[in-house]
Amino acid sequence: MWDYSQKVQDLFLTPHNAGPLEDANAIGEVGSIACGDALKLYLKISGDGVIEKAGFETFGCASAIASSSVLTDMVKGLHVDEALKITNADIAKALDGLPREKMHCSVMGQEALEAAIRQWKGEPAMPKTQEEGKLVCKCFNVTDATIIRAIRENGLKTVEDVTAFTKAGGGCGDCRDEIAEILEAELRGQGAPAPEPAGPAEPAKSAACGTGGLTNLQRMQKVMEVMALIRPQLQADGGDIELVDIAGKTVSVRLTGHCQGCAASEVTLHQVVEQILRQQVEPDLAVEEVK
């Protein structure tokens, strides 16, 4: 199992400031449901730049929810200039630490905060350097600028570190050689030894089993937990998804309402669900839609 701190567990079960703010005047959105994690951060900022209220909506694992929750607590009462000094390391520290493989959740919080404040200031959602970045990881839409920033701000030394903090390289793995090249250039520039050549991508770890396989009961429990997170977002849009059966590593689902035949990012919804379950439960699960 992931070694979650008690604070992460508490904020996952009873998150603070969950839900949108009707009077928000700054909103930052990062991630996507197709990639398994998404965060929408709402801020109410006074005329003189003090964050008076904060709320969030997030889709993702326990770390994503806890990171979003603790961030809303951290920013309330701060001037926007002070809030911009919050780093992903600060978010992780406030949670008494995060598993290395879940550090990207704290990065997502930092990015959402920056995006919201930039919107309030009337600036582009992303800094110009990131807008002009070259796409490296197509699975998770991560640019070289994002990777370089993560390396510099967090002292990353290996390709696995980059994946843990940005998710880049955590999908098909085709970009891992390019990530290694970026990392090597950065480390040489810092006077550090070059990293070892990147090997093939390791299978994603299960959130319930560490490096071992899941039992049928564990798999069923984890699938049900993830489905419970997916359903409210679909129901809010007039649709729903029903878990029909789990046979081995095949999950059968039924889509209803507006979800029938809908698509996201040019793939069918059940394929999006499959991507999420592969990330959150086991990397070789298959999802099939039944009528």
C-alpha atoms as a PDB file:
ATOM      1  CA  MET A   1       0.000   0.000   0.000  1.00  0.00           C
ATOM      2  CA  TRP A   2       1.023   3.628  -0.442  1.00  0.00           C
ATOM      3  CA  ASP A   3       2.481   4.967   2.768  1.00  0.00           C
ATOM      4  CA  TYR A   4      -0.025   7.788   3.251  1.00  0.00           C
ATOM      5  CA  SER A   5       0.364  10.042   6.274  1.00  0.00           C
ATOM      6  CA  GLN A   6      -2.534  10.319   8.688  1.00  0.00           C
ATOM      7  CA  LYS A   7      -3.116  13.867   7.464  1.00  0.00           C
ATOM      8  CA  VAL A   8      -3.496  12.701   3.867  1.00  0.00           C
ATOM      9  CA  GLN A   9      -5.959  10.038   4.971  1.00  0.00           C
ATOM     10  CA  ASP A  10      -7.975  12.511   7.049  1.00  0.00           C
ATOM     11  CA  LEU A  11      -8.197  15.131   4.281  1.00  0.00           C
ATOM     12  CA  PHE A  12      -9.116  12.490   1.723  1.00  0.00           C
ATOM     13  CA  LEU A  13     -12.044  11.289   3.851  1.00  0.00           C
ATOM     14  CA  THR A  14     -13.105  14.767   5.060  1.00  0.00           C
ATOM     15  CA  PRO A  15     -11.635  17.375   2.706  1.00  0.00           C
ATOM     16  CA  HIS A  16     -11.782  21.066   3.623  1.00  0.00           C
ATOM     17  CA  ASN A  17     -13.300  23.676   1.292  1.00  0.00           C
ATOM     18  CA  ALA A  18     -14.541  21.107  -1.221  1.00  0.00           C
ATOM     19  CA  GLY A  19     -16.858  22.415  -3.910  1.00  0.00           C
ATOM     20  CA  PRO A  20     -17.001  25.499  -6.141  1.00  0.00           C
ATOM     21  CA  LEU A  21     -17.209  29.094  -4.902  1.00  0.00           C
ATOM     22  CA  GLU A  22     -20.140  30.991  -6.381  1.00  0.00           C
ATOM     23  CA  ASP A  23     -18.423  34.338  -5.794  1.00  0.00           C
ATOM     24  CA  ALA A  24     -14.987  33.264  -7.004  1.00  0.00           C
ATOM     25  CA  ASN A  25     -13.188  35.838  -9.125  1.00  0.00           C
ATOM     26  CA  ALA A  26     -10.207  33.626  -9.969  1.00  0.00           C
ATOM     27  CA  ILE A  27     -10.224  30.052 -11.257  1.00  0.00           C
ATOM     28  CA  GLY A  28      -7.280  27.839 -12.117  1.00  0.00           C
ATOM     29  CA  GLU A  29      -7.717  24.540 -13.955  1.00  0.00           C
ATOM     30  CA  VAL A  30      -4.999  21.939 -14.516  1.00  0.00           C
ATOM     31  CA  GLY A  31      -4.901  18.308 -15.586  1.00  0.00           C
ATOM     32  CA  SER A  32      -7.665  16.378 -17.308  1.00  0.00           C
ATOM     33  CA  ILE A  33      -9.965  13.499 -16.462  1.00  0.00           C
ATOM     34  CA  ALA A  34      -8.450  11.556 -19.368  1.00  0.00           C
ATOM     35  CA  CYS A  35      -5.071  11.680 -17.621  1.00  0.00           C
ATOM     36  CA  GLY A  36      -6.492  10.512 -14.312  1.00  0.00           C
ATOM     37  CA  ASP A  37      -6.058  13.751 -12.338  1.00  0.00           C
ATOM     38  CA  ALA A  38      -7.799  17.102 -12.705  1.00  0.00           C
ATOM     39  CA  LEU A  39      -8.079  20.100 -10.382  1.00  0.00           C
ATOM     40  CA  LYS A  40     -10.218  23.216 -10.541  1.00  0.00           C
ATOM     41  CA  LEU A  41      -9.219  25.766  -7.895  1.00  0.00           C
ATOM     42  CA  TYR A  42     -11.547  28.631  -6.984  1.00  0.00           C
ATOM     43  CA  LEU A  43     -10.353  31.802  -5.237  1.00  0.00           C
ATOM     44  CA  LYS A  44     -12.152  34.895  -3.955  1.00  0.00           C
ATOM     45  CA  ILE A  45      -9.546  37.671  -3.981  1.00  0.00           C
ATOM     46  CA  SER A  46     -10.145  41.116  -2.521  1.00  0.00           C
ATOM     47  CA  GLY A  47      -9.406  44.316  -4.411  1.00  0.00           C
ATOM     48  CA  ASP A  48      -6.090  44.696  -2.617  1.00  0.00           C
ATOM     49  CA  GLY A  49      -5.018  41.160  -3.482  1.00  0.00           C
ATOM     50  CA  VAL A  50      -5.816  39.154  -0.353  1.00  0.00           C
ATOM     51  CA  ILE A  51      -7.246  35.655  -0.841  1.00  0.00           C
ATOM     52  CA  GLU A  52     -10.422  35.652   1.241  1.00  0.00           C
ATOM     53  CA  LYS A  53     -11.916  32.303   0.227  1.00  0.00           C
ATOM     54  CA  ALA A  54     -10.782  29.161  -1.555  1.00  0.00           C
ATOM     55  CA  GLY A  55     -12.545  26.065  -2.813  1.00  0.00           C
ATOM     56  CA  PHE A  56     -11.789  23.193  -5.136  1.00  0.00           C
ATOM     57  CA  GLU A  57     -13.152  20.425  -7.293  1.00  0.00           C
ATOM     58  CA  THR A  58     -10.793  17.587  -8.067  1.00  0.00           C
ATOM     59  CA  PHE A  59     -10.770  14.236  -9.752  1.00  0.00           C
ATOM     60  CA  GLY A  60      -8.053  11.841  -8.782  1.00  0.00           C
ATOM     61  CA  CYS A  61      -6.570   9.757  -6.010  1.00  0.00           C
ATOM     62  CA  ALA A  62      -6.361  10.374  -2.271  1.00  0.00           C
ATOM     63  CA  SER A  63      -3.196  12.436  -2.720  1.00  0.00           C
ATOM     64  CA  ALA A  64      -4.856  14.707  -5.283  1.00  0.00           C
ATOM     65  CA  ILE A  65      -7.811  15.381  -3.001  1.00  0.00           C
ATOM     66  CA  ALA A  66      -5.666  15.904   0.093  1.00  0.00           C
ATOM     67  CA  SER A  67      -3.223  18.183  -1.781  1.00  0.00           C
ATOM     68  CA  SER A  68      -6.086  20.314  -3.088  1.00  0.00           C
ATOM     69  CA  SER A  69      -7.691  20.500   0.332  1.00  0.00           C
ATOM     70  CA  VAL A  70      -4.570  21.508   2.231  1.00  0.00           C
ATOM     71  CA  LEU A  71      -3.725  24.087  -0.429  1.00  0.00           C
ATOM     72  CA  THR A  72      -7.044  25.876   0.102  1.00  0.00           C
ATOM     73  CA  ASP A  73      -6.259  26.068   3.821  1.00  0.00           C
ATOM     74  CA  MET A  74      -2.761  27.382   3.144  1.00  0.00           C
ATOM     75  CA  VAL A  75      -3.730  30.249   0.840  1.00  0.00           C
ATOM     76  CA  LYS A  76      -6.610  31.782   2.764  1.00  0.00           C
ATOM     77  CA  GLY A  77      -5.567  35.123   4.217  1.00  0.00           C
ATOM     78  CA  LEU A  78      -2.436  35.424   2.088  1.00  0.00           C
ATOM     79  CA  HIS A  79      -1.725  38.207  -0.360  1.00  0.00           C
ATOM     80  CA  VAL A  80      -1.461  36.814  -3.889  1.00  0.00           C
ATOM     81  CA  ASP A  81       2.246  37.666  -4.011  1.00  0.00           C
ATOM     82  CA  GLU A  82       2.822  35.561  -0.900  1.00  0.00           C
ATOM     83  CA  ALA A  83       0.620  32.755  -2.217  1.00  0.00           C
ATOM     84  CA  LEU A  84       2.731  32.574  -5.375  1.00  0.00           C
ATOM     85  CA  LYS A  85       5.723  31.641  -3.229  1.00  0.00           C
ATOM     86  CA  ILE A  86       4.027  28.350  -2.241  1.00  0.00           C
ATOM     87  CA  THR A  87       5.812  25.433  -3.880  1.00  0.00           C
ATOM     88  CA  ASN A  88       4.782  21.840  -4.368  1.00  0.00           C
ATOM     89  CA  ALA A  89       7.301  20.961  -1.639  1.00  0.00           C
ATOM     90  CA  ASP A  90       5.395  23.227   0.757  1.00  0.00           C
ATOM     91  CA  ILE A  91       2.143  21.431  -0.093  1.00  0.00           C
ATOM     92  CA  ALA A  92       3.718  18.017   0.480  1.00  0.00           C
ATOM     93  CA  LYS A  93       5.246  19.185   3.757  1.00  0.00           C
ATOM     94  CA  ALA A  94       1.865  20.445   4.954  1.00  0.00           C
ATOM     95  CA  LEU A  95       0.552  16.915   4.396  1.00  0.00           C
ATOM     96  CA  ASP A  96       3.392  15.408   6.434  1.00  0.00           C
ATOM     97  CA  GLY A  97       4.800  14.070   3.195  1.00  0.00           C
ATOM     98  CA  LEU A  98       3.545  12.280   0.090  1.00  0.00           C
ATOM     99  CA  PRO A  99       4.703   9.024  -1.496  1.00  0.00           C
ATOM    100  CA  ARG A 100       7.288   9.839  -4.164  1.00  0.00           C
ATOM    101  CA  GLU A 101       5.011   8.356  -6.834  1.00  0.00           C
ATOM    102  CA  LYS A 102       2.279  10.831  -5.839  1.00  0.00           C
ATOM    103  CA  MET A 103       4.321  14.046  -5.796  1.00  0.00           C
ATOM    104  CA  HIS A 104       2.732  15.108  -9.080  1.00  0.00           C
ATOM    105  CA  CYS A 105      -0.441  15.811  -7.066  1.00  0.00           C
ATOM    106  CA  SER A 106       1.329  18.561  -5.124  1.00  0.00           C
ATOM    107  CA  VAL A 107       2.721  19.953  -8.393  1.00  0.00           C
ATOM    108  CA  MET A 108      -0.816  20.064  -9.780  1.00  0.00           C
ATOM    109  CA  GLY A 109      -1.897  22.155  -6.781  1.00  0.00           C
ATOM    110  CA  GLN A 110       0.957  24.606  -7.282  1.00  0.00           C
ATOM    111  CA  GLU A 111       0.123  24.962 -10.975  1.00  0.00           C
ATOM    112  CA  ALA A 112      -3.594  25.502 -10.316  1.00  0.00           C
ATOM    113  CA  LEU A 113      -2.794  28.234  -7.779  1.00  0.00           C
ATOM    114  CA  GLU A 114      -0.508  30.000 -10.241  1.00  0.00           C
ATOM    115  CA  ALA A 115      -3.103  29.710 -13.021  1.00  0.00           C
ATOM    116  CA  ALA A 116      -5.855  31.182 -10.812  1.00  0.00           C
ATOM    117  CA  ILE A 117      -3.757  34.146  -9.713  1.00  0.00           C
ATOM    118  CA  ARG A 118      -2.598  34.796 -13.261  1.00  0.00           C
ATOM    119  CA  GLN A 119      -6.246  34.878 -14.344  1.00  0.00           C
ATOM    120  CA  TRP A 120      -7.058  37.372 -11.576  1.00  0.00           C
ATOM    121  CA  LYS A 121      -4.186  39.563 -12.749  1.00  0.00           C
ATOM    122  CA  GLY A 122      -5.434  39.376 -16.326  1.00  0.00           C
ATOM    123  CA  GLU A 123      -2.414  37.401 -17.512  1.00  0.00           C
ATOM    124  CA  PRO A 124      -2.309  34.267 -19.711  1.00  0.00           C
ATOM    125  CA  ALA A 125      -3.116  31.050 -17.845  1.00  0.00           C
ATOM    126  CA  MET A 126       0.418  29.715 -18.325  1.00  0.00           C
ATOM    127  CA  PRO A 127       3.720  31.573 -18.309  1.00  0.00           C
ATOM    128  CA  LYS A 128       5.010  32.304 -21.804  1.00  0.00           C
ATOM    129  CA  THR A 129       7.950  29.934 -21.369  1.00  0.00           C
ATOM    130  CA  GLN A 130       5.555  27.062 -20.711  1.00  0.00           C
ATOM    131  CA  GLU A 131       3.248  28.061 -23.572  1.00  0.00           C
ATOM    132  CA  GLU A 132       6.193  27.813 -25.952  1.00  0.00           C
ATOM    133  CA  GLY A 133       7.474  24.542 -24.507  1.00  0.00           C
ATOM    134  CA  LYS A 134       7.896  21.488 -26.700  1.00  0.00           C
ATOM    135  CA  LEU A 135       5.501  18.621 -26.015  1.00  0.00           C
ATOM    136  CA  VAL A 136       7.494  15.673 -24.679  1.00  0.00           C
ATOM    137  CA  CYS A 137       4.945  13.330 -23.091  1.00  0.00           C
ATOM    138  CA  LYS A 138       1.879  12.915 -25.296  1.00  0.00           C
ATOM    139  CA  CYS A 139       0.135  10.635 -22.808  1.00  0.00           C
ATOM    140  CA  PHE A 140      -0.028  13.363 -20.141  1.00  0.00           C
ATOM    141  CA  ASN A 141       0.590  16.520 -22.228  1.00  0.00           C
ATOM    142  CA  VAL A 142       3.822  17.458 -20.448  1.00  0.00           C
ATOM    143  CA  THR A 143       6.221  19.914 -22.096  1.00  0.00           C
ATOM    144  CA  ASP A 144       9.977  20.163 -21.782  1.00  0.00           C
ATOM    145  CA  ALA A 145       9.501  23.473 -19.933  1.00  0.00           C
ATOM    146  CA  THR A 146       7.430  21.730 -17.262  1.00  0.00           C
ATOM    147  CA  ILE A 147      10.034  18.979 -16.914  1.00  0.00           C
ATOM    148  CA  ILE A 148      12.902  21.468 -16.631  1.00  0.00           C
ATOM    149  CA  ARG A 149      11.052  23.455 -14.003  1.00  0.00           C
ATOM    150  CA  ALA A 150      10.365  20.323 -11.937  1.00  0.00           C
ATOM    151  CA  ILE A 151      14.021  19.285 -12.160  1.00  0.00           C
ATOM    152  CA  ARG A 152      15.266  22.684 -11.037  1.00  0.00           C
ATOM    153  CA  GLU A 153      12.750  23.312  -8.268  1.00  0.00           C
ATOM    154  CA  ASN A 154      12.880  19.833  -6.752  1.00  0.00           C
ATOM    155  CA  GLY A 155      16.444  18.713  -7.398  1.00  0.00           C
ATOM    156  CA  LEU A 156      15.365  15.696  -9.465  1.00  0.00           C
ATOM    157  CA  LYS A 157      18.112  13.250 -10.402  1.00  0.00           C
ATOM    158  CA  THR A 158      16.484  10.347 -12.267  1.00  0.00           C
ATOM    159  CA  VAL A 159      13.897   9.734 -14.957  1.00  0.00           C
ATOM    160  CA  GLU A 160      11.781   8.020 -12.305  1.00  0.00           C
ATOM    161  CA  ASP A 161      11.904  11.239 -10.257  1.00  0.00           C
ATOM    162  CA  VAL A 162      10.648  13.213 -13.256  1.00  0.00           C
ATOM    163  CA  THR A 163       7.766  10.773 -13.727  1.00  0.00           C
ATOM    164  CA  ALA A 164       6.830  10.968 -10.047  1.00  0.00           C
ATOM    165  CA  PHE A 165       6.694  14.774 -10.124  1.00  0.00           C
ATOM    166  CA  THR A 166       5.218  15.390 -13.589  1.00  0.00           C
ATOM    167  CA  LYS A 167       3.754  12.035 -14.753  1.00  0.00           C
ATOM    168  CA  ALA A 168       5.841  12.388 -17.928  1.00  0.00           C
ATOM    169  CA  GLY A 169       6.958   8.943 -19.023  1.00  0.00           C
ATOM    170  CA  GLY A 170       4.338   7.190 -16.925  1.00  0.00           C
ATOM    171  CA  GLY A 171       2.186   6.111 -19.861  1.00  0.00           C
ATOM    172  CA  CYS A 172       3.503   4.363 -22.960  1.00  0.00           C
ATOM    173  CA  GLY A 173       7.101   5.195 -22.025  1.00  0.00           C
ATOM    174  CA  ASP A 174       8.125   6.316 -25.533  1.00  0.00           C
ATOM    175  CA  CYS A 175       9.320   9.671 -24.190  1.00  0.00           C
ATOM    176  CA  ARG A 176      11.642   8.330 -21.517  1.00  0.00           C
ATOM    177  CA  ASP A 177      14.769   8.655 -23.677  1.00  0.00           C
ATOM    178  CA  GLU A 178      13.923  12.292 -24.389  1.00  0.00           C
ATOM    179  CA  ILE A 179      13.294  12.896 -20.675  1.00  0.00           C
ATOM    180  CA  ALA A 180      16.729  11.380 -19.947  1.00  0.00           C
ATOM    181  CA  GLU A 181      18.315  13.778 -22.453  1.00  0.00           C
ATOM    182  CA  ILE A 182      16.627  16.787 -20.828  1.00  0.00           C
ATOM    183  CA  LEU A 183      17.666  15.564 -17.399  1.00  0.00           C
ATOM    184  CA  GLU A 184      21.258  14.985 -18.507  1.00  0.00           C
ATOM    185  CA  ALA A 185      21.504  18.510 -19.942  1.00  0.00           C
ATOM    186  CA  GLU A 186      20.097  20.018 -16.759  1.00  0.00           C
ATOM    187  CA  LEU A 187      22.362  18.025 -14.443  1.00  0.00           C
ATOM    188  CA  ARG A 188      25.436  18.836 -16.499  1.00  0.00           C
ATOM    189  CA  GLY A 189      24.498  22.487 -16.327  1.00  0.00           C
ATOM    190  CA  GLN A 190      24.320  22.156 -12.536  1.00  0.00           C
ATOM    191  CA  GLY A 191      27.673  20.364 -12.387  1.00  0.00           C
ATOM    192  CA  ALA A 192      26.084  17.051 -11.374  1.00  0.00           C
ATOM    193  CA  PRO A 193      26.850  13.629 -12.908  1.00  0.00           C
ATOM    194  CA  ALA A 194      24.675  12.539 -15.819  1.00  0.00           C
ATOM    195  CA  PRO A 195      21.864  10.065 -15.070  1.00  0.00           C
ATOM    196  CA  GLU A 196      21.924   6.430 -16.077  1.00  0.00           C
ATOM    197  CA  PRO A 197      20.323   5.744 -19.483  1.00  0.00           C
ATOM    198  CA  ALA A 198      16.570   5.350 -19.211  1.00  0.00           C
ATOM    199  CA  GLY A 199      15.347   1.779 -19.378  1.00  0.00           C
ATOM    200  CA  PRO A 200      11.855   0.654 -20.320  1.00  0.00           C
ATOM    201  CA  ALA A 201       9.011   2.156 -18.345  1.00  0.00           C
ATOM    202  CA  GLU A 202       8.127   0.210 -15.228  1.00  0.00           C
ATOM    203  CA  PRO A 203       4.500  -0.873 -14.842  1.00  0.00           C
ATOM    204  CA  ALA A 204       2.515   1.550 -12.731  1.00  0.00           C
ATOM    205  CA  LYS A 205       2.219   0.446  -9.134  1.00  0.00           C
ATOM    206  CA  SER A 206      -1.175  -0.446  -7.811  1.00  0.00           C
ATOM    207  CA  ALA A 207      -2.519   1.920  -5.184  1.00  0.00           C
ATOM    208  CA  ALA A 208      -3.395  -1.091  -3.060  1.00  0.00           C
ATOM    209  CA  CYS A 209      -0.603  -3.559  -3.511  1.00  0.00           C
ATOM    210  CA  GLY A 210       2.780  -1.871  -3.791  1.00  0.00           C
ATOM    211  CA  THR A 211       4.907  -4.057  -6.035  1.00  0.00           C
ATOM    212  CA  GLY A 212       2.779  -7.217  -5.813  1.00  0.00           C
ATOM    213  CA  GLY A 213      -0.413  -8.263  -7.581  1.00  0.00           C
ATOM    214  CA  LEU A 214      -3.931  -7.720  -6.323  1.00  0.00           C
ATOM    215  CA  THR A 215      -6.218 -10.463  -5.159  1.00  0.00           C
ATOM    216  CA  ASN A 216      -9.643 -10.601  -6.794  1.00  0.00           C
ATOM    217  CA  LEU A 217     -11.203  -9.085  -3.671  1.00  0.00           C
ATOM    218  CA  GLN A 218      -8.636  -6.265  -3.510  1.00  0.00           C
ATOM    219  CA  ARG A 219      -9.133  -5.547  -7.208  1.00  0.00           C
ATOM    220  CA  MET A 220     -12.897  -5.386  -6.786  1.00  0.00           C
ATOM    221  CA  GLN A 221     -12.612  -3.050  -3.797  1.00  0.00           C
ATOM    222  CA  LYS A 222     -10.217  -0.687  -5.584  1.00  0.00           C
ATOM    223  CA  VAL A 223     -12.326  -0.587  -8.760  1.00  0.00           C
ATOM    224  CA  MET A 224     -15.409   0.238  -6.697  1.00  0.00           C
ATOM    225  CA  GLU A 225     -13.532   3.021  -4.887  1.00  0.00           C
ATOM    226  CA  VAL A 226     -12.429   4.621  -8.153  1.00  0.00           C
ATOM    227  CA  MET A 227     -15.881   4.265  -9.699  1.00  0.00           C
ATOM    228  CA  ALA A 228     -17.327   6.040  -6.667  1.00  0.00           C
ATOM    229  CA  LEU A 229     -15.090   9.015  -7.500  1.00  0.00           C
ATOM    230  CA  ILE A 230     -15.989   8.992 -11.199  1.00  0.00           C
ATOM    231  CA  ARG A 231     -19.784   8.792 -10.860  1.00  0.00           C
ATOM    232  CA  PRO A 232     -20.530  12.173  -9.198  1.00  0.00           C
ATOM    233  CA  GLN A 233     -18.819  14.081 -12.010  1.00  0.00           C
ATOM    234  CA  LEU A 234     -20.746  12.179 -14.665  1.00  0.00           C
ATOM    235  CA  GLN A 235     -24.019  12.557 -12.769  1.00  0.00           C
ATOM    236  CA  ALA A 236     -23.494  16.317 -12.572  1.00  0.00           C
ATOM    237  CA  ASP A 237     -23.501  16.359 -16.396  1.00  0.00           C
ATOM    238  CA  GLY A 238     -26.678  14.279 -16.654  1.00  0.00           C
ATOM    239  CA  GLY A 239     -25.033  10.904 -17.154  1.00  0.00           C
ATOM    240  CA  ASP A 240     -23.969   7.936 -15.093  1.00  0.00           C
ATOM    241  CA  ILE A 241     -21.836   4.815 -15.212  1.00  0.00           C
ATOM    242  CA  GLU A 242     -22.770   1.502 -13.620  1.00  0.00           C
ATOM    243  CA  LEU A 243     -20.349  -1.236 -12.636  1.00  0.00           C
ATOM    244  CA  VAL A 244     -21.820  -4.429 -14.100  1.00  0.00           C
ATOM    245  CA  ASP A 245     -19.164  -7.075 -13.485  1.00  0.00           C
ATOM    246  CA  ILE A 246     -15.490  -7.713 -12.793  1.00  0.00           C
ATOM    247  CA  ALA A 247     -14.176 -10.899 -14.371  1.00  0.00           C
ATOM    248  CA  GLY A 248     -10.461 -11.290 -13.772  1.00  0.00           C
ATOM    249  CA  LYS A 249      -8.938  -8.106 -15.148  1.00  0.00           C
ATOM    250  CA  THR A 250     -11.922  -7.177 -17.324  1.00  0.00           C
ATOM    251  CA  VAL A 251     -14.288  -4.560 -15.910  1.00  0.00           C
ATOM    252  CA  SER A 252     -17.734  -4.353 -17.491  1.00  0.00           C
ATOM    253  CA  VAL A 253     -19.617  -1.056 -17.251  1.00  0.00           C
ATOM    254  CA  ARG A 254     -22.933   0.333 -18.497  1.00  0.00           C
ATOM    255  CA  LEU A 255     -23.260   4.002 -19.508  1.00  0.00           C
ATOM    256  CA  THR A 256     -26.579   5.778 -19.116  1.00  0.00           C
ATOM    257  CA  GLY A 257     -28.066   9.218 -19.706  1.00  0.00           C
ATOM    258  CA  HIS A 258     -25.849  11.716 -21.490  1.00  0.00           C
ATOM    259  CA  CYS A 259     -22.900   9.339 -21.157  1.00  0.00           C
ATOM    260  CA  GLN A 260     -24.230   6.978 -23.820  1.00  0.00           C
ATOM    261  CA  GLY A 261     -22.069   7.429 -26.869  1.00  0.00           C
ATOM    262  CA  CYS A 262     -20.291  10.508 -25.494  1.00  0.00           C
ATOM    263  CA  ALA A 263     -16.595  11.075 -26.103  1.00  0.00           C
ATOM    264  CA  ALA A 264     -13.722  12.801 -24.327  1.00  0.00           C
ATOM    265  CA  SER A 265     -10.494  13.845 -26.033  1.00  0.00           C
ATOM    266  CA  GLU A 266     -11.522  11.856 -29.126  1.00  0.00           C
ATOM    267  CA  VAL A 267     -11.841   8.597 -27.215  1.00  0.00           C
ATOM    268  CA  THR A 268     -14.961   6.960 -25.860  1.00  0.00           C
ATOM    269  CA  LEU A 269     -15.856   7.435 -22.219  1.00  0.00           C
ATOM    270  CA  HIS A 270     -15.290   3.788 -21.347  1.00  0.00           C
ATOM    271  CA  GLN A 271     -11.745   4.153 -22.720  1.00  0.00           C
ATOM    272  CA  VAL A 272     -11.222   7.164 -20.461  1.00  0.00           C
ATOM    273  CA  VAL A 273     -12.446   5.080 -17.523  1.00  0.00           C
ATOM    274  CA  GLU A 274     -10.049   2.325 -18.575  1.00  0.00           C
ATOM    275  CA  GLN A 275      -7.116   4.772 -18.508  1.00  0.00           C
ATOM    276  CA  ILE A 276      -8.106   5.951 -15.039  1.00  0.00           C
ATOM    277  CA  LEU A 277      -8.482   2.424 -13.649  1.00  0.00           C
ATOM    278  CA  ARG A 278      -5.139   1.420 -15.125  1.00  0.00           C
ATOM    279  CA  GLN A 279      -3.487   4.321 -13.356  1.00  0.00           C
ATOM    280  CA  GLN A 280      -5.293   4.012 -10.044  1.00  0.00           C
ATOM    281  CA  VAL A 281      -5.714   0.224  -9.718  1.00  0.00           C
ATOM    282  CA  GLU A 282      -3.688  -1.987 -12.104  1.00  0.00           C
ATOM    283  CA  PRO A 283      -1.879  -1.172 -15.353  1.00  0.00           C
ATOM    284  CA  ASP A 284      -3.357  -4.051 -17.367  1.00  0.00           C
ATOM    285  CA  LEU A 285      -7.063  -3.730 -16.597  1.00  0.00           C
ATOM    286  CA  ALA A 286      -9.492  -3.696 -19.539  1.00  0.00           C
ATOM    287  CA  VAL A 287     -12.879  -1.959 -19.553  1.00  0.00           C
ATOM    288  CA  GLU A 288     -15.718  -3.035 -21.802  1.00  0.00           C
ATOM    289  CA  GLU A 289     -19.040  -1.314 -22.285  1.00  0.00           C
ATOM    290  CA  VAL A 290     -22.182  -3.448 -22.164  1.00  0.00           C
ATOM    291  CA  LYS A 291     -25.675  -2.397 -23.193  1.00  0.00           C
END
